[in-house]
Protein backbone atom coordinates (compact mmCIF):
# COMPACT_ATOMS: atom_id res chain seq x y z
CA MET A 1 78.09 55.96 72.72
CA LYS A 2 81.47 57.15 71.43
CA LYS A 3 80.02 60.53 70.53
CA ILE A 4 78.71 61.07 74.07
CA PHE A 5 82.09 60.09 75.55
CA TRP A 6 84.00 62.51 73.31
CA LEU A 7 81.43 65.23 73.98
CA GLY A 8 82.05 64.81 77.73
CA VAL A 9 85.83 64.86 77.22
CA GLY A 10 85.54 68.05 75.13
CA ILE A 11 83.37 69.79 77.71
CA THR A 12 85.75 68.81 80.50
CA ILE A 13 88.78 70.11 78.60
CA GLY A 14 86.91 73.32 77.80
CA VAL A 15 86.01 73.93 81.45
CA ILE A 16 89.58 73.24 82.60
CA ALA A 17 90.99 75.55 79.92
CA ALA A 18 88.53 78.33 80.83
CA ARG A 19 89.52 78.11 84.51
CA LYS A 20 93.24 78.20 83.67
CA ILE A 21 92.76 81.23 81.42
CA ALA A 22 90.73 83.06 84.07
CA SER A 23 93.38 82.46 86.73
CA ALA A 24 96.16 83.52 84.35
CA GLN A 25 94.33 86.74 83.53
CA GLY A 26 94.06 87.51 87.26
CA ALA A 27 97.81 87.11 87.66
CA ILE A 28 98.65 89.12 84.55
CA GLY A 29 96.06 91.86 84.99
CA PRO A 30 96.68 95.25 86.61
CA GLU A 31 96.42 93.92 90.17
CA GLY A 32 98.85 91.09 89.48
CA LEU A 33 101.25 93.47 87.78
CA ASN A 34 101.08 95.87 90.73
CA ARG A 35 101.86 93.02 93.13
CA ALA A 36 104.83 91.88 91.03
CA VAL A 37 106.23 95.41 90.73
CA GLY A 38 105.77 95.96 94.46
CA ARG A 39 107.69 92.77 95.28
CA VAL A 40 110.53 93.73 92.93
CA SER A 41 110.63 97.25 94.37
CA ASP A 42 110.81 95.90 97.93
CA ALA A 43 113.58 93.49 96.98
CA VAL A 44 115.63 96.24 95.31
CA HIS A 45 115.12 98.54 98.32
CA ASP A 46 116.20 95.82 100.76
CA PHE A 47 119.26 95.03 98.63
CA ALA A 48 120.23 98.72 98.47
CA ASP A 49 119.87 99.07 102.26
CA ALA A 50 122.04 96.02 102.89
CA LEU A 51 124.61 97.29 100.39
CA ARG A 52 124.76 100.73 102.06
CA GLU A 53 125.16 99.19 105.51
CA ASN A 54 127.98 96.93 104.32
CA MET A 55 129.71 99.78 102.49
CA ASP A 56 129.61 101.95 105.62
CA GLU A 57 130.95 99.10 107.75
CA ARG A 58 133.75 98.36 105.27
CA GLU A 59 134.67 102.04 105.05
CA THR A 60 134.89 102.24 108.83
CA ASP A 61 137.11 99.15 108.88
CA LEU A 62 139.39 100.61 106.21
CA ARG A 63 139.63 103.97 107.98
CA LEU A 64 140.63 102.26 111.21
CA ALA A 65 143.15 100.05 109.42
CA LEU A 66 144.74 103.04 107.66
CA GLY A 67 144.74 105.15 110.80
CA VAL A 68 142.52 107.87 109.37
CA ASP A 69 140.07 107.49 112.27
CA GLN A 70 141.17 106.41 115.73
CA ALA A 71 137.77 105.14 116.86
CA PRO A 72 134.39 104.77 115.21
CA SER A 73 132.65 108.12 115.52
CA ALA A 74 129.22 108.11 117.11
CA SER A 75 128.19 111.18 115.14
CA ARG A 76 128.61 109.34 111.85
CA THR A 77 125.33 107.52 111.49
CA PRO A 78 123.71 106.86 108.14
CA ALA A 79 120.89 109.33 107.58
CA ARG A 80 119.53 107.39 104.60
CA HIS A 81 116.66 104.94 105.02
């Protein structure tokens, strides 16, 4: 009776381990790696856009404070996207 119990426990552990390994391989494989790189790339791009916008805004504020520009120029729009 003990042998049958331990056989069932071993089979259960084996099935659970096989499922975990299969799901980990899906996340680590080429598709999972592409998704991870895409998310990182999007995050870096969004951060760079926010940084550029804030730098332009701060530069405009400094120019106005120093009297270099009298008013924000409409022709000076960021061409980078």
